[in-house]
N, C-alpha and C. Protein backbone atom coordinates (compact mmCIF):
# COMPACT_ATOMS: atom_id res chain seq x y z
N UNK A 1 31.31 -3.25 3.68
CA UNK A 1 30.90 -2.93 2.33
C UNK A 1 29.46 -3.39 2.08
N UNK A 2 29.09 -4.54 2.67
CA UNK A 2 27.75 -5.06 2.51
C UNK A 2 26.71 -4.10 3.12
N UNK A 3 27.10 -3.46 4.23
CA UNK A 3 26.19 -2.53 4.88
C UNK A 3 25.96 -1.30 4.00
N UNK A 4 27.00 -0.83 3.36
CA UNK A 4 26.86 0.32 2.46
C UNK A 4 25.98 -0.04 1.28
N UNK A 5 26.16 -1.24 0.74
CA UNK A 5 25.33 -1.69 -0.38
C UNK A 5 23.87 -1.83 0.06
N UNK A 6 23.65 -2.39 1.26
CA UNK A 6 22.29 -2.52 1.78
C UNK A 6 21.64 -1.16 1.95
N UNK A 7 22.39 -0.20 2.49
CA UNK A 7 21.85 1.15 2.66
C UNK A 7 21.52 1.77 1.31
N UNK A 8 22.40 1.58 0.32
CA UNK A 8 22.15 2.13 -1.01
C UNK A 8 20.90 1.51 -1.62
N UNK A 9 20.75 0.18 -1.51
CA UNK A 9 19.57 -0.48 -2.06
C UNK A 9 18.29 -0.01 -1.36
N UNK A 10 18.37 0.15 -0.05
CA UNK A 10 17.22 0.63 0.71
C UNK A 10 16.85 2.05 0.26
N UNK A 11 17.85 2.93 0.17
CA UNK A 11 17.60 4.32 -0.26
C UNK A 11 17.05 4.35 -1.68
N UNK A 12 17.61 3.56 -2.57
CA UNK A 12 17.14 3.54 -3.95
C UNK A 12 15.71 3.02 -4.03
N UNK A 13 15.41 1.98 -3.30
CA UNK A 13 14.05 1.45 -3.28
C UNK A 13 13.06 2.48 -2.75
N UNK A 14 13.44 3.16 -1.68
CA UNK A 14 12.57 4.20 -1.13
C UNK A 14 12.41 5.34 -2.12
N UNK A 15 13.50 5.73 -2.77
CA UNK A 15 13.43 6.81 -3.76
C UNK A 15 12.50 6.43 -4.90
N UNK A 16 12.63 5.20 -5.40
CA UNK A 16 11.76 4.75 -6.49
C UNK A 16 10.30 4.72 -6.05
N UNK A 17 10.06 4.25 -4.84
CA UNK A 17 8.69 4.19 -4.32
C UNK A 17 8.08 5.58 -4.19
N UNK A 18 8.85 6.51 -3.67
CA UNK A 18 8.32 7.85 -3.45
C UNK A 18 8.27 8.70 -4.72
N UNK A 19 9.20 8.49 -5.63
CA UNK A 19 9.21 9.31 -6.85
C UNK A 19 8.23 8.78 -7.89
N UNK A 20 8.09 7.48 -7.98
CA UNK A 20 7.20 6.90 -8.97
C UNK A 20 7.73 7.05 -10.39
N UNK A 21 8.99 7.41 -10.54
CA UNK A 21 9.58 7.63 -11.85
C UNK A 21 10.37 6.39 -12.26
N UNK A 22 9.85 5.68 -13.26
CA UNK A 22 10.51 4.45 -13.70
C UNK A 22 10.94 4.51 -15.16
N UNK A 23 10.49 5.52 -15.89
CA UNK A 23 10.73 5.52 -17.33
C UNK A 23 11.69 6.61 -17.82
N UNK A 24 12.10 7.51 -16.97
CA UNK A 24 12.99 8.59 -17.36
C UNK A 24 14.41 8.25 -16.91
N UNK A 25 15.27 7.95 -17.86
CA UNK A 25 16.64 7.52 -17.53
C UNK A 25 17.41 8.59 -16.78
N UNK A 26 17.21 9.85 -17.13
CA UNK A 26 17.93 10.93 -16.44
C UNK A 26 17.52 10.99 -14.97
N UNK A 27 16.21 10.92 -14.70
CA UNK A 27 15.75 10.96 -13.30
C UNK A 27 16.21 9.73 -12.54
N UNK A 28 16.19 8.57 -13.16
CA UNK A 28 16.67 7.36 -12.50
C UNK A 28 18.15 7.46 -12.14
N UNK A 29 18.94 8.02 -13.06
CA UNK A 29 20.37 8.16 -12.76
C UNK A 29 20.60 9.19 -11.66
N UNK A 30 19.83 10.29 -11.67
CA UNK A 30 19.95 11.27 -10.58
C UNK A 30 19.55 10.65 -9.24
N UNK A 31 18.50 9.82 -9.25
CA UNK A 31 18.08 9.14 -8.02
C UNK A 31 19.16 8.20 -7.51
N UNK A 32 19.75 7.42 -8.42
CA UNK A 32 20.81 6.49 -8.02
C UNK A 32 22.03 7.25 -7.49
N UNK A 33 22.37 8.36 -8.16
CA UNK A 33 23.51 9.16 -7.70
C UNK A 33 23.24 9.82 -6.35
N UNK A 34 22.01 10.27 -6.15
CA UNK A 34 21.70 10.88 -4.84
C UNK A 34 21.79 9.84 -3.73
N UNK A 35 21.42 8.60 -4.04
CA UNK A 35 21.55 7.53 -3.05
C UNK A 35 23.02 7.22 -2.77
N UNK A 36 23.86 7.28 -3.80
CA UNK A 36 25.30 7.11 -3.61
C UNK A 36 25.83 8.21 -2.70
N UNK A 37 25.37 9.43 -2.91
CA UNK A 37 25.79 10.56 -2.07
C UNK A 37 25.37 10.34 -0.62
N UNK A 38 24.16 9.85 -0.40
CA UNK A 38 23.69 9.58 0.97
C UNK A 38 24.58 8.54 1.64
N UNK A 39 24.89 7.47 0.92
CA UNK A 39 25.74 6.42 1.48
C UNK A 39 27.14 6.96 1.77
N UNK A 40 27.67 7.78 0.86
CA UNK A 40 29.00 8.36 1.08
C UNK A 40 29.01 9.24 2.33
N UNK A 41 28.00 10.09 2.47
CA UNK A 41 27.93 10.96 3.66
C UNK A 41 27.78 10.11 4.92
N UNK A 42 26.93 9.08 4.88
CA UNK A 42 26.75 8.20 6.04
C UNK A 42 28.07 7.51 6.40
N UNK A 43 28.81 7.10 5.39
CA UNK A 43 30.11 6.47 5.63
C UNK A 43 31.09 7.46 6.24
N UNK A 44 31.11 8.69 5.72
CA UNK A 44 32.06 9.71 6.19
C UNK A 44 31.77 10.12 7.64
N UNK A 45 30.52 10.19 8.02
CA UNK A 45 30.20 10.57 9.41
C UNK A 45 30.12 9.34 10.32
N UNK A 46 30.52 8.20 9.77
CA UNK A 46 30.63 6.95 10.51
C UNK A 46 29.32 6.48 11.12
N UNK A 47 28.23 6.63 10.39
CA UNK A 47 26.96 6.09 10.87
C UNK A 47 26.72 4.69 10.34
N UNK A 48 27.51 4.26 9.37
CA UNK A 48 27.42 2.88 8.90
C UNK A 48 28.33 2.05 9.79
N UNK A 49 27.73 1.31 10.71
CA UNK A 49 28.47 0.49 11.65
C UNK A 49 28.61 -0.91 11.06
N UNK A 50 29.82 -1.37 10.83
CA UNK A 50 29.99 -2.68 10.19
C UNK A 50 29.49 -3.85 11.04
N UNK A 51 29.28 -3.63 12.34
CA UNK A 51 28.81 -4.71 13.20
C UNK A 51 27.30 -4.73 13.35
N UNK A 52 26.62 -3.74 12.83
CA UNK A 52 25.18 -3.66 12.99
C UNK A 52 24.49 -4.01 11.69
N UNK A 53 23.34 -4.67 11.84
CA UNK A 53 22.52 -4.98 10.67
C UNK A 53 21.84 -3.71 10.19
N UNK A 54 21.65 -3.56 8.88
CA UNK A 54 20.87 -2.42 8.39
C UNK A 54 19.43 -2.53 8.87
N UNK A 55 18.72 -1.39 9.03
CA UNK A 55 17.37 -1.43 9.57
C UNK A 55 16.38 -2.19 8.71
N UNK A 56 16.54 -2.18 7.41
CA UNK A 56 15.57 -2.81 6.53
C UNK A 56 15.42 -4.30 6.81
N UNK A 57 16.51 -5.11 6.83
CA UNK A 57 16.33 -6.53 7.13
C UNK A 57 15.84 -6.79 8.55
N UNK A 58 16.16 -5.90 9.49
CA UNK A 58 15.71 -6.13 10.87
C UNK A 58 14.21 -5.99 10.99
N UNK A 59 13.62 -5.05 10.29
CA UNK A 59 12.18 -4.84 10.40
C UNK A 59 11.42 -5.57 9.30
N UNK A 60 11.98 -5.60 8.11
CA UNK A 60 11.44 -6.31 6.97
C UNK A 60 9.93 -6.30 6.83
N UNK A 61 9.30 -7.48 6.91
CA UNK A 61 7.87 -7.60 6.65
C UNK A 61 7.00 -6.80 7.62
N UNK A 62 7.48 -6.58 8.83
CA UNK A 62 6.67 -5.84 9.80
C UNK A 62 6.39 -4.42 9.31
N UNK A 63 7.35 -3.83 8.60
CA UNK A 63 7.13 -2.49 8.06
C UNK A 63 6.03 -2.48 7.02
N UNK A 64 5.85 -3.60 6.32
CA UNK A 64 4.79 -3.68 5.32
C UNK A 64 3.41 -3.58 5.95
N UNK A 65 3.29 -3.95 7.22
CA UNK A 65 2.03 -3.80 7.94
C UNK A 65 1.92 -2.42 8.58
N UNK A 66 3.05 -1.88 9.02
CA UNK A 66 3.03 -0.59 9.72
C UNK A 66 2.81 0.58 8.76
N UNK A 67 3.48 0.59 7.61
CA UNK A 67 3.38 1.72 6.68
C UNK A 67 1.95 1.99 6.22
N UNK A 68 1.17 0.98 5.82
CA UNK A 68 -0.21 1.29 5.42
C UNK A 68 -1.03 1.87 6.58
N UNK A 69 -0.81 1.34 7.78
CA UNK A 69 -1.53 1.87 8.94
C UNK A 69 -1.14 3.33 9.15
N UNK A 70 0.16 3.63 9.09
CA UNK A 70 0.62 5.01 9.28
C UNK A 70 0.08 5.91 8.18
N UNK A 71 0.09 5.44 6.95
CA UNK A 71 -0.44 6.22 5.84
C UNK A 71 -1.92 6.55 6.08
N UNK A 72 -2.68 5.59 6.56
CA UNK A 72 -4.09 5.84 6.86
C UNK A 72 -4.24 6.88 7.98
N UNK A 73 -3.39 6.79 9.00
CA UNK A 73 -3.44 7.78 10.08
C UNK A 73 -3.10 9.18 9.56
N UNK A 74 -2.16 9.26 8.63
CA UNK A 74 -1.79 10.55 8.03
C UNK A 74 -2.97 11.11 7.25
N UNK A 75 -3.67 10.27 6.49
CA UNK A 75 -4.84 10.72 5.73
C UNK A 75 -5.92 11.24 6.68
N UNK A 76 -6.22 10.47 7.72
CA UNK A 76 -7.24 10.91 8.69
C UNK A 76 -6.86 12.22 9.37
N UNK A 77 -5.59 12.36 9.73
CA UNK A 77 -5.14 13.59 10.38
C UNK A 77 -5.21 14.76 9.41
N UNK A 78 -4.88 14.54 8.14
CA UNK A 78 -5.01 15.60 7.14
C UNK A 78 -6.45 16.09 7.04
N UNK A 79 -7.38 15.16 6.97
CA UNK A 79 -8.80 15.52 6.89
C UNK A 79 -9.21 16.32 8.12
N UNK A 80 -8.76 15.90 9.29
CA UNK A 80 -9.09 16.60 10.53
C UNK A 80 -8.54 18.03 10.53
N UNK A 81 -7.29 18.19 10.10
CA UNK A 81 -6.68 19.52 10.07
C UNK A 81 -7.39 20.41 9.05
N UNK A 82 -7.72 19.87 7.89
CA UNK A 82 -8.42 20.66 6.87
C UNK A 82 -9.79 21.10 7.37
N UNK A 83 -10.50 20.21 8.05
CA UNK A 83 -11.81 20.58 8.63
C UNK A 83 -11.66 21.75 9.60
N UNK A 84 -10.63 21.70 10.43
CA UNK A 84 -10.43 22.76 11.42
C UNK A 84 -10.03 24.07 10.77
N UNK A 85 -9.35 24.00 9.66
CA UNK A 85 -8.98 25.22 8.94
C UNK A 85 -10.21 25.84 8.28
N UNK A 86 -11.04 25.00 7.68
CA UNK A 86 -12.19 25.51 6.91
C UNK A 86 -13.39 25.86 7.78
N UNK A 87 -13.52 25.25 8.94
CA UNK A 87 -14.66 25.52 9.82
C UNK A 87 -14.17 26.19 11.11
N UNK A 88 -14.38 27.52 11.21
CA UNK A 88 -13.88 28.23 12.40
C UNK A 88 -14.56 27.82 13.70
N UNK A 89 -15.68 27.09 13.63
CA UNK A 89 -16.37 26.64 14.85
C UNK A 89 -15.63 25.49 15.52
N UNK A 90 -14.86 24.74 14.75
CA UNK A 90 -14.11 23.63 15.34
C UNK A 90 -12.94 24.19 16.14
N UNK A 91 -12.75 23.67 17.35
CA UNK A 91 -11.72 24.25 18.22
C UNK A 91 -10.30 23.85 17.82
N UNK A 92 -9.42 24.80 17.98
CA UNK A 92 -7.98 24.54 17.89
C UNK A 92 -7.43 24.86 19.27
N UNK A 93 -6.89 23.86 19.91
CA UNK A 93 -6.42 23.99 21.29
C UNK A 93 -5.00 23.45 21.37
N UNK A 94 -4.00 24.26 20.99
CA UNK A 94 -2.62 23.77 21.00
C UNK A 94 -2.22 23.26 22.39
N UNK A 95 -1.58 22.11 22.38
CA UNK A 95 -1.24 21.44 23.63
C UNK A 95 0.16 20.83 23.52
N UNK A 96 0.93 20.95 24.58
CA UNK A 96 2.22 20.26 24.68
C UNK A 96 2.05 19.10 25.65
N UNK A 97 2.51 17.92 25.22
CA UNK A 97 2.45 16.75 26.10
C UNK A 97 3.82 16.09 26.14
N UNK A 98 4.02 15.30 27.15
CA UNK A 98 5.25 14.52 27.28
C UNK A 98 4.87 13.05 27.25
N UNK A 99 5.56 12.30 26.42
CA UNK A 99 5.30 10.87 26.29
C UNK A 99 6.52 10.08 26.74
N UNK A 100 6.28 8.92 27.27
CA UNK A 100 7.34 7.98 27.63
C UNK A 100 7.23 6.82 26.65
N UNK A 101 8.06 6.81 25.60
CA UNK A 101 7.95 5.73 24.62
C UNK A 101 8.38 4.39 25.20
N UNK A 102 7.74 3.33 24.73
CA UNK A 102 8.08 2.00 25.23
C UNK A 102 9.10 1.28 24.36
N UNK A 103 9.63 1.96 23.35
CA UNK A 103 10.62 1.34 22.48
C UNK A 103 11.94 1.17 23.23
N UNK A 104 12.64 0.07 22.94
CA UNK A 104 13.90 -0.23 23.62
C UNK A 104 15.10 0.42 22.95
N UNK A 105 15.06 0.54 21.63
CA UNK A 105 16.23 1.02 20.91
C UNK A 105 16.07 2.47 20.48
N UNK A 106 17.21 3.09 20.18
CA UNK A 106 17.18 4.45 19.65
C UNK A 106 16.43 4.49 18.33
N UNK A 107 16.64 3.48 17.48
CA UNK A 107 15.96 3.42 16.19
C UNK A 107 14.46 3.36 16.38
N UNK A 108 13.99 2.56 17.32
CA UNK A 108 12.55 2.47 17.60
C UNK A 108 11.97 3.80 18.06
N UNK A 109 12.70 4.49 18.94
CA UNK A 109 12.21 5.80 19.42
C UNK A 109 12.20 6.83 18.30
N UNK A 110 13.19 6.77 17.41
CA UNK A 110 13.23 7.70 16.28
C UNK A 110 12.09 7.42 15.31
N UNK A 111 11.79 6.14 15.06
CA UNK A 111 10.66 5.80 14.20
C UNK A 111 9.37 6.31 14.81
N UNK A 112 9.22 6.16 16.10
CA UNK A 112 8.03 6.65 16.80
C UNK A 112 7.93 8.17 16.71
N UNK A 113 9.02 8.87 17.00
CA UNK A 113 9.01 10.33 16.94
C UNK A 113 8.72 10.83 15.53
N UNK A 114 9.31 10.20 14.53
CA UNK A 114 9.06 10.61 13.15
C UNK A 114 7.63 10.29 12.71
N UNK A 115 7.08 9.18 13.19
CA UNK A 115 5.70 8.84 12.86
C UNK A 115 4.75 9.90 13.41
N UNK A 116 5.03 10.38 14.61
CA UNK A 116 4.20 11.44 15.20
C UNK A 116 4.31 12.70 14.35
N UNK A 117 5.51 13.05 13.96
CA UNK A 117 5.72 14.28 13.19
C UNK A 117 5.11 14.17 11.79
N UNK A 118 5.12 12.99 11.19
CA UNK A 118 4.52 12.81 9.87
C UNK A 118 3.00 12.99 9.89
N UNK A 119 2.40 12.78 11.04
CA UNK A 119 0.95 12.90 11.17
C UNK A 119 0.59 14.37 11.36
N UNK A 120 -0.14 14.96 10.40
CA UNK A 120 -0.48 16.39 10.52
C UNK A 120 -1.21 16.70 11.83
N UNK A 121 -0.86 17.84 12.39
CA UNK A 121 -1.47 18.27 13.65
C UNK A 121 -0.63 17.92 14.86
N UNK A 122 0.43 17.13 14.67
CA UNK A 122 1.32 16.78 15.78
C UNK A 122 2.76 16.91 15.32
N UNK A 123 3.61 17.39 16.21
CA UNK A 123 5.03 17.54 15.91
C UNK A 123 5.83 17.13 17.15
N UNK A 124 6.79 16.26 16.95
CA UNK A 124 7.71 15.92 18.04
C UNK A 124 8.73 17.04 18.12
N UNK A 125 8.74 17.75 19.24
CA UNK A 125 9.65 18.88 19.39
C UNK A 125 10.95 18.50 20.07
N UNK A 126 10.94 17.38 20.81
CA UNK A 126 12.16 16.98 21.51
C UNK A 126 12.13 15.48 21.76
N UNK A 127 13.26 14.86 21.52
CA UNK A 127 13.45 13.45 21.85
C UNK A 127 14.75 13.36 22.61
N UNK A 128 14.64 13.18 23.91
CA UNK A 128 15.85 13.09 24.72
C UNK A 128 15.69 11.97 25.73
N UNK A 129 16.59 11.00 25.61
CA UNK A 129 16.55 9.87 26.52
C UNK A 129 15.27 9.09 26.40
N UNK A 130 14.53 9.03 27.48
CA UNK A 130 13.28 8.28 27.51
C UNK A 130 12.05 9.18 27.44
N UNK A 131 12.21 10.40 26.97
CA UNK A 131 11.08 11.33 26.91
C UNK A 131 10.91 11.90 25.51
N UNK A 132 9.66 12.02 25.11
CA UNK A 132 9.29 12.69 23.87
C UNK A 132 8.41 13.87 24.23
N UNK A 133 8.73 15.02 23.70
CA UNK A 133 7.88 16.18 23.89
C UNK A 133 7.16 16.43 22.57
N UNK A 134 5.84 16.53 22.63
CA UNK A 134 5.03 16.62 21.41
C UNK A 134 4.09 17.81 21.51
N UNK A 135 4.02 18.57 20.41
CA UNK A 135 3.04 19.64 20.27
C UNK A 135 1.90 19.11 19.43
N UNK A 136 0.68 19.23 19.96
CA UNK A 136 -0.51 18.79 19.24
C UNK A 136 -1.40 20.00 18.98
N UNK A 137 -2.01 20.02 17.82
CA UNK A 137 -2.89 21.12 17.43
C UNK A 137 -4.17 21.14 18.25
N UNK A 138 -4.62 19.95 18.66
CA UNK A 138 -5.86 19.84 19.44
C UNK A 138 -5.65 18.92 20.64
N UNK A 139 -6.52 19.06 21.60
CA UNK A 139 -6.48 18.18 22.78
C UNK A 139 -6.80 16.75 22.37
N UNK A 140 -7.71 16.60 21.38
CA UNK A 140 -8.07 15.26 20.91
C UNK A 140 -6.86 14.54 20.30
N UNK A 141 -6.06 15.28 19.55
CA UNK A 141 -4.85 14.70 18.97
C UNK A 141 -3.87 14.28 20.04
N UNK A 142 -3.75 15.09 21.09
CA UNK A 142 -2.86 14.74 22.20
C UNK A 142 -3.38 13.51 22.93
N UNK A 143 -4.70 13.46 23.15
CA UNK A 143 -5.29 12.31 23.84
C UNK A 143 -5.10 11.02 23.04
N UNK A 144 -5.18 11.15 21.73
CA UNK A 144 -4.97 9.98 20.87
C UNK A 144 -3.55 9.43 21.04
N UNK A 145 -2.57 10.33 21.11
CA UNK A 145 -1.19 9.89 21.34
C UNK A 145 -1.03 9.30 22.73
N UNK A 146 -1.68 9.91 23.70
CA UNK A 146 -1.58 9.40 25.08
C UNK A 146 -2.24 8.03 25.21
N UNK A 147 -3.23 7.73 24.35
CA UNK A 147 -3.86 6.41 24.37
C UNK A 147 -2.86 5.33 24.01
N UNK A 148 -1.87 5.66 23.16
CA UNK A 148 -0.73 4.79 22.94
C UNK A 148 -0.80 3.79 21.81
N UNK A 149 -1.76 3.90 20.89
CA UNK A 149 -1.83 2.92 19.80
C UNK A 149 -0.58 2.98 18.92
N UNK A 150 -0.13 4.19 18.56
CA UNK A 150 1.05 4.31 17.72
C UNK A 150 2.28 3.77 18.45
N UNK A 151 2.38 4.06 19.73
CA UNK A 151 3.50 3.58 20.53
C UNK A 151 3.52 2.05 20.53
N UNK A 152 2.36 1.42 20.71
CA UNK A 152 2.29 -0.04 20.72
C UNK A 152 2.67 -0.63 19.37
N UNK A 153 2.25 0.02 18.30
CA UNK A 153 2.57 -0.51 16.96
C UNK A 153 4.06 -0.42 16.66
N UNK A 154 4.69 0.70 17.03
CA UNK A 154 6.13 0.82 16.81
C UNK A 154 6.88 -0.15 17.72
N UNK A 155 6.43 -0.29 18.96
CA UNK A 155 7.06 -1.26 19.86
C UNK A 155 6.89 -2.68 19.31
N UNK A 156 5.78 -2.93 18.64
CA UNK A 156 5.57 -4.24 18.00
C UNK A 156 6.58 -4.50 16.90
N UNK A 157 7.00 -3.45 16.21
CA UNK A 157 8.06 -3.60 15.21
C UNK A 157 9.33 -4.09 15.88
N UNK A 158 9.64 -3.53 17.03
CA UNK A 158 10.87 -3.89 17.75
C UNK A 158 10.81 -5.31 18.31
N UNK A 159 9.66 -5.71 18.80
CA UNK A 159 9.54 -7.04 19.40
C UNK A 159 9.82 -8.15 18.40
N UNK A 160 9.63 -7.85 17.13
CA UNK A 160 9.83 -8.88 16.10
C UNK A 160 11.26 -8.90 15.58
N UNK A 161 12.12 -8.04 16.13
CA UNK A 161 13.52 -8.03 15.69
C UNK A 161 14.20 -9.28 16.25
N UNK A 162 14.85 -10.06 15.40
CA UNK A 162 15.53 -11.27 15.92
C UNK A 162 16.72 -10.92 16.79
């Protein structure tokens, strides 16, 4: 039961952060109800494991350092994609690459894959076992992923898990 409550609090906090709606009672109640629905569905498909800690306490403060960095990367990638759309002289060179993530857990690999997909110009097309297949809009974007800074940062989140 504690895990379901933790998941609900995490979902509600994320909903409040992303919606920015704090003064409309109807929207707040819809947000709380949607979080209840998420927890119910997670419980029904048995993804709430009573023996596992929820992800929020496991990562905790480390996410506070990772999210701003990721947000900045998303902003920079948006600017890059907009420049390429508006200036036809800038090259668009679609590229598929394969990455070997250094994360140990499934959760770490999913965070890494989703971080890549959140960054405009790159999409994780496949995550299977120890391989990530990524489509990049440009060769520079692919090279940036191959350099491994995002991989190291997500792996750093995992290293701090007690």
